C-alpha atoms as a PDB file:
ATOM      1  CA  MET A   1      26.720  12.477  28.286  1.00  0.00           C
ATOM      2  CA  PHE A   2      25.415  16.058  28.088  1.00  0.00           C
ATOM      3  CA  ALA A   3      28.888  17.484  27.501  1.00  0.00           C
ATOM      4  CA  LEU A   4      29.492  15.073  24.619  1.00  0.00           C
ATOM      5  CA  ALA A   5      26.052  15.790  23.142  1.00  0.00           C
ATOM      6  CA  GLU A   6      26.729  19.514  23.279  1.00  0.00           C
ATOM      7  CA  GLN A   7      30.106  19.093  21.564  1.00  0.00           C
ATOM      8  CA  VAL A   8      28.583  17.158  18.657  1.00  0.00           C
ATOM      9  CA  ALA A   9      25.638  19.555  18.472  1.00  0.00           C
ATOM     10  CA  ARG A  10      27.922  22.569  18.362  1.00  0.00           C
ATOM     11  CA  ARG A  11      29.909  21.118  15.464  1.00  0.00           C
ATOM     12  CA  PHE A  12      26.729  20.477  13.497  1.00  0.00           C
ATOM     13  CA  VAL A  13      25.382  23.936  14.284  1.00  0.00           C
ATOM     14  CA  ASP A  14      28.655  25.612  13.328  1.00  0.00           C
ATOM     15  CA  ALA A  15      28.696  23.699  10.028  1.00  0.00           C
ATOM     16  CA  ARG A  16      25.094  24.666   9.282  1.00  0.00           C
ATOM     17  CA  LEU A  17      25.594  28.332  10.153  1.00  0.00           C
ATOM     18  CA  SER A  18      28.748  28.556   8.053  1.00  0.00           C
ATOM     19  CA  ALA A  19      27.203  26.491   5.199  1.00  0.00           C
ATOM     20  CA  LYS A  20      30.214  24.172   5.194  1.00  0.00           C
ATOM     21  CA  ALA A  21      30.058  20.452   4.520  1.00  0.00           C
ATOM     22  CA  LEU A  22      31.317  17.909   7.036  1.00  0.00           C
ATOM     23  CA  GLY A  23      33.513  15.063   5.839  1.00  0.00           C
ATOM     24  CA  ASP A  24      32.672  12.782   8.744  1.00  0.00           C
ATOM     25  CA  TYR A  25      30.309  12.577  11.681  1.00  0.00           C
ATOM     26  CA  PRO A  26      31.603  15.176  14.178  1.00  0.00           C
ATOM     27  CA  GLY A  27      32.129  12.877  17.144  1.00  0.00           C
ATOM     28  CA  PRO A  28      31.044   9.447  18.416  1.00  0.00           C
ATOM     29  CA  MET A  29      27.804   8.425  16.701  1.00  0.00           C
ATOM     30  CA  PRO A  30      24.859   7.993  19.092  1.00  0.00           C
ATOM     31  CA  ASP A  31      23.957   4.349  19.601  1.00  0.00           C
ATOM     32  CA  ASP A  32      20.368   4.803  20.791  1.00  0.00           C
ATOM     33  CA  LEU A  33      17.429   7.158  20.256  1.00  0.00           C
ATOM     34  CA  GLN A  34      17.802   8.812  23.663  1.00  0.00           C
ATOM     35  CA  SER A  35      21.375   9.833  22.907  1.00  0.00           C
ATOM     36  CA  ALA A  36      20.407  11.025  19.428  1.00  0.00           C
ATOM     37  CA  TYR A  37      17.613  13.244  20.736  1.00  0.00           C
ATOM     38  CA  ALA A  38      19.934  14.586  23.426  1.00  0.00           C
ATOM     39  CA  ILE A  39      22.192  15.893  20.656  1.00  0.00           C
ATOM     40  CA  GLN A  40      19.182  17.307  18.823  1.00  0.00           C
ATOM     41  CA  GLU A  41      18.029  19.120  21.964  1.00  0.00           C
ATOM     42  CA  ALA A  42      21.500  20.554  22.525  1.00  0.00           C
ATOM     43  CA  ALA A  43      21.564  21.793  18.929  1.00  0.00           C
ATOM     44  CA  ILE A  44      18.101  23.369  19.255  1.00  0.00           C
ATOM     45  CA  ALA A  45      19.389  25.320  22.255  1.00  0.00           C
ATOM     46  CA  LEU A  46      22.293  26.613  20.171  1.00  0.00           C
ATOM     47  CA  TRP A  47      20.332  27.468  17.029  1.00  0.00           C
ATOM     48  CA  PRO A  48      19.511  31.191  16.635  1.00  0.00           C
ATOM     49  CA  ASP A  49      15.906  30.793  15.549  1.00  0.00           C
ATOM     50  CA  LYS A  50      12.602  29.556  16.944  1.00  0.00           C
ATOM     51  CA  ILE A  51      10.946  26.261  16.097  1.00  0.00           C
ATOM     52  CA  ALA A  52       8.051  26.703  13.651  1.00  0.00           C
ATOM     53  CA  GLY A  53       7.275  23.028  13.256  1.00  0.00           C
ATOM     54  CA  TRP A  54       8.423  19.426  13.163  1.00  0.00           C
ATOM     55  CA  LYS A  55       9.244  17.070  10.322  1.00  0.00           C
ATOM     56  CA  VAL A  56       8.358  13.396  10.598  1.00  0.00           C
ATOM     57  CA  GLY A  57      10.625  10.771   9.045  1.00  0.00           C
ATOM     58  CA  ARG A  58      10.608   7.002   8.726  1.00  0.00           C
ATOM     59  CA  ILE A  59      12.720   4.438  10.522  1.00  0.00           C
ATOM     60  CA  ASN A  60      12.697   1.371   8.307  1.00  0.00           C
ATOM     61  CA  PRO A  61      13.506  -2.264   9.128  1.00  0.00           C
ATOM     62  CA  PRO A  62      15.799  -3.555  10.475  1.00  0.00           C
ATOM     63  CA  ASP A  63      16.426  -0.294  12.365  1.00  0.00           C
ATOM     64  CA  SER A  64      12.764  -0.026  13.390  1.00  0.00           C
ATOM     65  CA  ASP A  65      13.065  -3.421  15.072  1.00  0.00           C
ATOM     66  CA  LYS A  66      16.338  -2.447  16.711  1.00  0.00           C
ATOM     67  CA  TYR A  67      15.110   0.859  18.123  1.00  0.00           C
ATOM     68  CA  GLY A  68      11.443   0.030  18.639  1.00  0.00           C
ATOM     69  CA  GLU A  69      10.139   3.020  16.638  1.00  0.00           C
ATOM     70  CA  ILE A  70       9.043   3.486  13.029  1.00  0.00           C
ATOM     71  CA  ARG A  71       9.215   7.288  13.037  1.00  0.00           C
ATOM     72  CA  LEU A  72      11.568  10.084  14.025  1.00  0.00           C
ATOM     73  CA  VAL A  73      11.141  13.838  14.281  1.00  0.00           C
ATOM     74  CA  GLY A  74      13.276  16.910  13.780  1.00  0.00           C
ATOM     75  CA  PRO A  75      12.701  20.652  14.161  1.00  0.00           C
ATOM     76  CA  ILE A  76      11.763  23.016  11.342  1.00  0.00           C
ATOM     77  CA  PHE A  77      12.895  26.555  12.068  1.00  0.00           C
ATOM     78  CA  ALA A  78      10.936  29.701  11.294  1.00  0.00           C
ATOM     79  CA  ARG A  79      13.420  31.284   8.886  1.00  0.00           C
ATOM     80  CA  ALA A  80      13.490  28.048   6.863  1.00  0.00           C
ATOM     81  CA  VAL A  81       9.743  28.041   6.125  1.00  0.00           C
ATOM     82  CA  PHE A  82       8.922  29.348   2.648  1.00  0.00           C
ATOM     83  CA  LYS A  83       5.501  30.055   1.134  1.00  0.00           C
ATOM     84  CA  ALA A  84       4.938  28.718  -2.361  1.00  0.00           C
ATOM     85  CA  SER A  85       3.770  31.237  -4.937  1.00  0.00           C
ATOM     86  CA  HIS A  86       2.894  31.143  -8.598  1.00  0.00           C
ATOM     87  CA  GLY A  87       6.602  31.224  -9.435  1.00  0.00           C
ATOM     88  CA  VAL A  88       9.634  29.145  -8.492  1.00  0.00           C
ATOM     89  CA  VAL A  89      10.658  29.011  -4.839  1.00  0.00           C
ATOM     90  CA  ASP A  90      14.424  29.020  -4.316  1.00  0.00           C
ATOM     91  CA  PHE A  91      15.550  26.958  -1.353  1.00  0.00           C
ATOM     92  CA  PRO A  92      19.090  26.594   0.009  1.00  0.00           C
ATOM     93  CA  VAL A  93      21.023  23.315  -0.004  1.00  0.00           C
ATOM     94  CA  PHE A  94      24.426  22.318   1.341  1.00  0.00           C
ATOM     95  CA  ALA A  95      26.996  22.095  -1.458  1.00  0.00           C
ATOM     96  CA  GLY A  96      28.969  18.950  -0.701  1.00  0.00           C
ATOM     97  CA  GLY A  97      26.444  17.843   1.919  1.00  0.00           C
ATOM     98  CA  PHE A  98      23.091  16.105   1.634  1.00  0.00           C
ATOM     99  CA  ALA A  99      20.055  17.609  -0.071  1.00  0.00           C
ATOM    100  CA  ALA A 100      16.707  16.189  -1.130  1.00  0.00           C
ATOM    101  CA  VAL A 101      13.054  17.045  -1.614  1.00  0.00           C
ATOM    102  CA  GLU A 102      10.095  15.153  -0.168  1.00  0.00           C
ATOM    103  CA  ALA A 103       6.409  15.613  -1.042  1.00  0.00           C
ATOM    104  CA  GLU A 104       4.495  16.188   2.195  1.00  0.00           C
ATOM    105  CA  TYR A 105       1.084  16.774   3.733  1.00  0.00           C
ATOM    106  CA  VAL A 106       1.450  19.368   6.473  1.00  0.00           C
ATOM    107  CA  PHE A 107      -0.839  19.987   9.419  1.00  0.00           C
ATOM    108  CA  GLU A 108      -1.064  23.332  11.172  1.00  0.00           C
ATOM    109  CA  ILE A 109      -2.004  22.862  14.814  1.00  0.00           C
ATOM    110  CA  GLY A 110      -5.324  24.577  15.514  1.00  0.00           C
ATOM    111  CA  GLU A 111      -5.137  24.800  19.300  1.00  0.00           C
ATOM    112  CA  ASP A 112      -2.552  24.362  22.020  1.00  0.00           C
ATOM    113  CA  ALA A 113      -2.028  20.776  23.130  1.00  0.00           C
ATOM    114  CA  PRO A 114      -2.775  20.245  26.835  1.00  0.00           C
ATOM    115  CA  ALA A 115       0.496  20.918  28.622  1.00  0.00           C
ATOM    116  CA  GLN A 116       0.511  17.776  30.796  1.00  0.00           C
ATOM    117  CA  LYS A 117      -0.905  15.319  28.260  1.00  0.00           C
ATOM    118  CA  THR A 118       1.697  12.692  27.317  1.00  0.00           C
ATOM    119  CA  ASP A 119      -0.481   9.879  25.920  1.00  0.00           C
ATOM    120  CA  TRP A 120      -2.187  10.562  22.603  1.00  0.00           C
ATOM    121  CA  SER A 121      -4.830   8.736  20.575  1.00  0.00           C
ATOM    122  CA  LEU A 122      -5.759   9.308  16.925  1.00  0.00           C
ATOM    123  CA  ALA A 123      -8.893  11.124  18.073  1.00  0.00           C
ATOM    124  CA  ASP A 124      -6.811  13.368  20.345  1.00  0.00           C
ATOM    125  CA  ALA A 125      -4.507  14.257  17.453  1.00  0.00           C
ATOM    126  CA  GLU A 126      -7.354  14.974  15.062  1.00  0.00           C
ATOM    127  CA  ALA A 127      -8.958  17.221  17.669  1.00  0.00           C
ATOM    128  CA  ILE A 128      -6.002  19.643  17.766  1.00  0.00           C
ATOM    129  CA  ALA A 129      -5.422  19.617  14.007  1.00  0.00           C
ATOM    130  CA  GLY A 130      -6.286  22.857  12.267  1.00  0.00           C
ATOM    131  CA  ARG A 131      -5.608  23.398   8.596  1.00  0.00           C
ATOM    132  CA  LEU A 132      -3.910  20.928   6.245  1.00  0.00           C
ATOM    133  CA  PHE A 133      -1.533  22.011   3.491  1.00  0.00           C
ATOM    134  CA  VAL A 134       0.550  20.401   0.785  1.00  0.00           C
ATOM    135  CA  GLY A 135       4.257  21.043   0.954  1.00  0.00           C
ATOM    136  CA  ILE A 136       7.820  20.063   0.215  1.00  0.00           C
ATOM    137  CA  GLU A 137      10.276  19.206   2.937  1.00  0.00           C
ATOM    138  CA  THR A 138      13.717  20.373   1.901  1.00  0.00           C
ATOM    139  CA  ALA A 139      15.776  17.703   3.595  1.00  0.00           C
ATOM    140  CA  GLY A 140      19.372  18.685   4.157  1.00  0.00           C
ATOM    141  CA  SER A 141      22.514  18.306   6.215  1.00  0.00           C
ATOM    142  CA  PRO A 142      26.156  19.348   6.003  1.00  0.00           C
ATOM    143  CA  LEU A 143      26.921  15.598   6.305  1.00  0.00           C
ATOM    144  CA  ALA A 144      26.539  13.939   2.892  1.00  0.00           C
ATOM    145  CA  THR A 145      26.358  10.414   4.360  1.00  0.00           C
ATOM    146  CA  ILE A 146      23.693  11.225   6.969  1.00  0.00           C
ATOM    147  CA  ASN A 147      21.037   8.814   5.714  1.00  0.00           C
ATOM    148  CA  ALA A 148      23.504   5.994   5.150  1.00  0.00           C
ATOM    149  CA  LEU A 149      24.669   6.237   8.774  1.00  0.00           C
ATOM    150  CA  GLY A 150      21.235   5.443  10.169  1.00  0.00           C
ATOM    151  CA  PRO A 151      18.370   6.981  12.115  1.00  0.00           C
ATOM    152  CA  THR A 152      20.304   8.005  15.222  1.00  0.00           C
ATOM    153  CA  VAL A 153      22.591  10.117  13.056  1.00  0.00           C
ATOM    154  CA  VAL A 154      19.588  11.562  11.194  1.00  0.00           C
ATOM    155  CA  ILE A 155      17.910  12.486  14.488  1.00  0.00           C
ATOM    156  CA  SER A 156      21.044  14.090  15.879  1.00  0.00           C
ATOM    157  CA  ASP A 157      21.275  16.615  13.025  1.00  0.00           C
ATOM    158  CA  PHE A 158      17.779  18.163  13.194  1.00  0.00           C
ATOM    159  CA  GLY A 159      16.234  15.061  11.654  1.00  0.00           C
ATOM    160  CA  ASN A 160      18.035  15.856   8.377  1.00  0.00           C
ATOM    161  CA  ASN A 161      15.801  18.884   7.847  1.00  0.00           C
ATOM    162  CA  ALA A 162      16.777  22.112   6.116  1.00  0.00           C
ATOM    163  CA  GLY A 163      13.368  23.681   5.633  1.00  0.00           C
ATOM    164  CA  LEU A 164       9.780  23.482   4.420  1.00  0.00           C
ATOM    165  CA  ILE A 165       7.955  24.942   1.427  1.00  0.00           C
ATOM    166  CA  LEU A 166       4.303  25.397   2.269  1.00  0.00           C
ATOM    167  CA  GLY A 167       1.839  25.126  -0.600  1.00  0.00           C
ATOM    168  CA  ALA A 168      -1.916  25.244  -1.042  1.00  0.00           C
ATOM    169  CA  GLU A 169      -4.441  24.403   1.649  1.00  0.00           C
ATOM    170  CA  VAL A 170      -6.288  21.100   1.404  1.00  0.00           C
ATOM    171  CA  THR A 171      -9.791  22.451   1.862  1.00  0.00           C
ATOM    172  CA  ASP A 172     -12.407  20.478   3.817  1.00  0.00           C
ATOM    173  CA  TRP A 173      -9.808  17.860   4.698  1.00  0.00           C
ATOM    174  CA  ARG A 174     -11.987  16.317   7.407  1.00  0.00           C
ATOM    175  CA  ALA A 175     -14.549  15.373   4.759  1.00  0.00           C
ATOM    176  CA  ARG A 176     -11.930  13.777   2.500  1.00  0.00           C
ATOM    177  CA  ASP A 177     -10.348  10.347   2.439  1.00  0.00           C
ATOM    178  CA  LEU A 178      -6.857  11.468   3.425  1.00  0.00           C
ATOM    179  CA  MET A 179      -5.347   8.130   2.432  1.00  0.00           C
ATOM    180  CA  ALA A 180      -6.424   8.789  -1.168  1.00  0.00           C
ATOM    181  CA  LEU A 181      -4.563  12.108  -1.513  1.00  0.00           C
ATOM    182  CA  SER A 182      -1.984  11.522  -4.265  1.00  0.00           C
ATOM    183  CA  CYS A 183       1.069  13.309  -5.605  1.00  0.00           C
ATOM    184  CA  GLU A 184       4.012  12.997  -7.984  1.00  0.00           C
ATOM    185  CA  THR A 185       7.545  14.401  -7.721  1.00  0.00           C
ATOM    186  CA  PHE A 186       9.664  15.571 -10.667  1.00  0.00           C
ATOM    187  CA  VAL A 187      13.341  16.566 -10.496  1.00  0.00           C
ATOM    188  CA  ASN A 188      14.675  18.405 -13.547  1.00  0.00           C
ATOM    189  CA  GLY A 189      11.454  17.496 -15.332  1.00  0.00           C
ATOM    190  CA  ILE A 190      11.796  13.749 -14.769  1.00  0.00           C
ATOM    191  CA  SER A 191       9.223  11.891 -12.683  1.00  0.00           C
ATOM    192  CA  LEU A 192      11.025  10.212  -9.796  1.00  0.00           C
ATOM    193  CA  GLY A 193       8.127   9.065  -7.666  1.00  0.00           C
ATOM    194  CA  ARG A 194       4.380   8.763  -7.377  1.00  0.00           C
ATOM    195  CA  GLY A 195       2.672   8.215  -4.064  1.00  0.00           C
ATOM    196  CA  SER A 196      -0.059   9.160  -1.680  1.00  0.00           C
ATOM    197  CA  ALA A 197      -0.756  10.005   1.921  1.00  0.00           C
ATOM    198  CA  GLY A 198      -1.850   6.389   2.200  1.00  0.00           C
ATOM    199  CA  LEU A 199       1.770   5.264   1.889  1.00  0.00           C
ATOM    200  CA  LEU A 200       2.533   6.810   5.267  1.00  0.00           C
ATOM    201  CA  PRO A 201       2.092   4.124   7.971  1.00  0.00           C
ATOM    202  CA  GLY A 202      -1.305   4.832   9.509  1.00  0.00           C
ATOM    203  CA  GLY A 203      -1.660   7.973   7.373  1.00  0.00           C
ATOM    204  CA  PRO A 204      -1.094  11.648   8.233  1.00  0.00           C
ATOM    205  CA  ILE A 205      -3.189  11.576  11.411  1.00  0.00           C
ATOM    206  CA  GLU A 206      -1.045   8.791  12.858  1.00  0.00           C
ATOM    207  CA  ALA A 207       2.071  10.824  12.039  1.00  0.00           C
ATOM    208  CA  LEU A 208       0.499  13.769  13.856  1.00  0.00           C
ATOM    209  CA  ARG A 209      -0.429  11.571  16.832  1.00  0.00           C
ATOM    210  CA  PHE A 210       3.144  10.286  17.069  1.00  0.00           C
ATOM    211  CA  THR A 211       4.544  13.813  16.916  1.00  0.00           C
ATOM    212  CA  ALA A 212       2.155  15.164  19.547  1.00  0.00           C
ATOM    213  CA  GLN A 213       3.025  12.343  21.935  1.00  0.00           C
ATOM    214  CA  HIS A 214       6.757  12.431  21.237  1.00  0.00           C
ATOM    215  CA  CYS A 215       7.022  16.207  21.654  1.00  0.00           C
ATOM    216  CA  ALA A 216       4.904  16.168  24.815  1.00  0.00           C
ATOM    217  CA  ARG A 217       7.211  13.599  26.374  1.00  0.00           C
ATOM    218  CA  ARG A 218      10.150  15.879  25.558  1.00  0.00           C
ATOM    219  CA  GLY A 219       8.454  18.748  27.350  1.00  0.00           C
ATOM    220  CA  ARG A 220       7.610  20.441  24.050  1.00  0.00           C
ATOM    221  CA  PRO A 221       3.799  20.200  23.711  1.00  0.00           C
ATOM    222  CA  LEU A 222       2.562  21.326  20.314  1.00  0.00           C
ATOM    223  CA  ALA A 223       1.363  24.932  20.287  1.00  0.00           C
ATOM    224  CA  LYS A 224      -1.263  26.529  18.095  1.00  0.00           C
ATOM    225  CA  GLY A 225       0.247  27.401  14.714  1.00  0.00           C
ATOM    226  CA  THR A 226       2.942  24.711  14.841  1.00  0.00           C
ATOM    227  CA  LEU A 227       3.469  22.918  11.522  1.00  0.00           C
ATOM    228  CA  VAL A 228       3.791  19.129  11.376  1.00  0.00           C
ATOM    229  CA  SER A 229       5.146  17.761   8.092  1.00  0.00           C
ATOM    230  CA  THR A 230       3.855  14.206   8.175  1.00  0.00           C
ATOM    231  CA  GLY A 231       6.293  12.260   6.011  1.00  0.00           C
ATOM    232  CA  ALA A 232       7.597  11.631   2.514  1.00  0.00           C
ATOM    233  CA  ALA A 233       4.679  10.575   0.297  1.00  0.00           C
ATOM    234  CA  THR A 234       6.703   9.811  -2.851  1.00  0.00           C
ATOM    235  CA  GLY A 235      10.096   9.010  -1.340  1.00  0.00           C
ATOM    236  CA  ILE A 236      13.305  10.953  -0.803  1.00  0.00           C
ATOM    237  CA  HIS A 237      14.682  12.526  -3.970  1.00  0.00           C
ATOM    238  CA  ASP A 238      18.301  13.701  -3.880  1.00  0.00           C
ATOM    239  CA  LEU A 239      19.424  16.824  -5.697  1.00  0.00           C
ATOM    240  CA  ILE A 240      22.278  19.315  -5.962  1.00  0.00           C
ATOM    241  CA  PRO A 241      22.441  23.093  -6.381  1.00  0.00           C
ATOM    242  CA  GLY A 242      20.877  24.126  -9.678  1.00  0.00           C
ATOM    243  CA  ASP A 243      18.360  21.274  -9.797  1.00  0.00           C
ATOM    244  CA  THR A 244      14.655  22.017 -10.021  1.00  0.00           C
ATOM    245  CA  ALA A 245      11.881  20.115  -8.284  1.00  0.00           C
ATOM    246  CA  ARG A 246       8.165  20.127  -8.978  1.00  0.00           C
ATOM    247  CA  VAL A 247       5.512  18.305  -6.982  1.00  0.00           C
ATOM    248  CA  GLU A 248       2.020  17.834  -8.392  1.00  0.00           C
ATOM    249  CA  PHE A 249      -0.668  17.288  -5.770  1.00  0.00           C
ATOM    250  CA  ALA A 250      -3.666  15.829  -7.601  1.00  0.00           C
ATOM    251  CA  GLY A 251      -6.706  18.081  -7.446  1.00  0.00           C
ATOM    252  CA  ILE A 252      -4.973  20.570  -5.125  1.00  0.00           C
ATOM    253  CA  GLY A 253      -2.106  22.277  -6.911  1.00  0.00           C
ATOM    254  CA  HIS A 254       1.626  22.127  -7.467  1.00  0.00           C
ATOM    255  CA  ILE A 255       4.846  23.561  -6.073  1.00  0.00           C
ATOM    256  CA  GLU A 256       7.803  24.614  -8.230  1.00  0.00           C
ATOM    257  CA  SER A 257      11.193  24.937  -6.548  1.00  0.00           C
ATOM    258  CA  ARG A 258      14.893  25.293  -7.284  1.00  0.00           C
ATOM    259  CA  ALA A 259      17.918  24.321  -5.197  1.00  0.00           C
ATOM    260  CA  VAL A 260      20.439  27.116  -4.649  1.00  0.00           C
ATOM    261  CA  PRO A 261      23.722  27.006  -2.721  1.00  0.00           C
ATOM    262  CA  MET A 262      23.413  27.553   1.020  1.00  0.00           C
ATOM    263  CA  ARG A 263      24.987  30.765   2.272  1.00  0.00           C
ATOM    264  CA  ALA A 264      26.442  31.406   5.686  1.00  0.00           C
ATOM    265  CA  ALA A 265      23.574  32.329   8.010  1.00  0.00           C
ATOM    266  CA  ARG A 266      23.225  35.404  10.146  1.00  0.00           C
ATOM    267  CA  THR A 267      23.155  34.436  13.788  1.00  0.00           C
ATOM    268  CA  ALA A 268      20.702  36.996  15.119  1.00  0.00           C
ATOM    269  CA  ASP A 269      17.809  39.164  13.970  1.00  0.00           C
END
């Protein structure tokens, strides 16, 4: 199984590094979560960058019933994390592949998770949380049909992640009602979705708890400084190169961004 996982992973990694779209899934599609994460792990080993964080995605019915999970995770790599400024942040997307933006609430881990801890409660997760930011996940894959093919395919290609734009800090977040944090996403000036952190099942802390437990059980306990992007608060909004996206986070700030064509990546520093 490892050899097959590595073959699929290598094809995804090669496509991402060369910024070339894939017409079809590059091998037999994984039929369970274990196989999907095996491909993801093989791809992480091949990717020439370090993990800066994890994105959290949804598994919706009927797939959530089939696989017994309502969430999935994928790595966010350091060179794909952008800091929002007062201007427009350009972010790369796969021409001919899949690209989207998602409004997110992003935790920065404040202290190392205990190395041997594999069972996590909400209180445990809140205890290691440091700062909270607003952000945009730049979802993306060289495979245009990735979401239509289901969660195991999404997992296998880095959770359909292409990067993260980190915005303003949510100050005094522990004193706030996190479920009431609201936002709105615009693409090319048109409002495509309104939502809140309360639309995430269990809220951002539950997404963090799931990620801490999942990563620990993979032998990847969350380290201080790791970013956890907790899930799409207004939905998944597709775009193509040249499109602009703006997310308004009520009472906190906004992020302006623009999709630009992905270029072939350098493979080493």
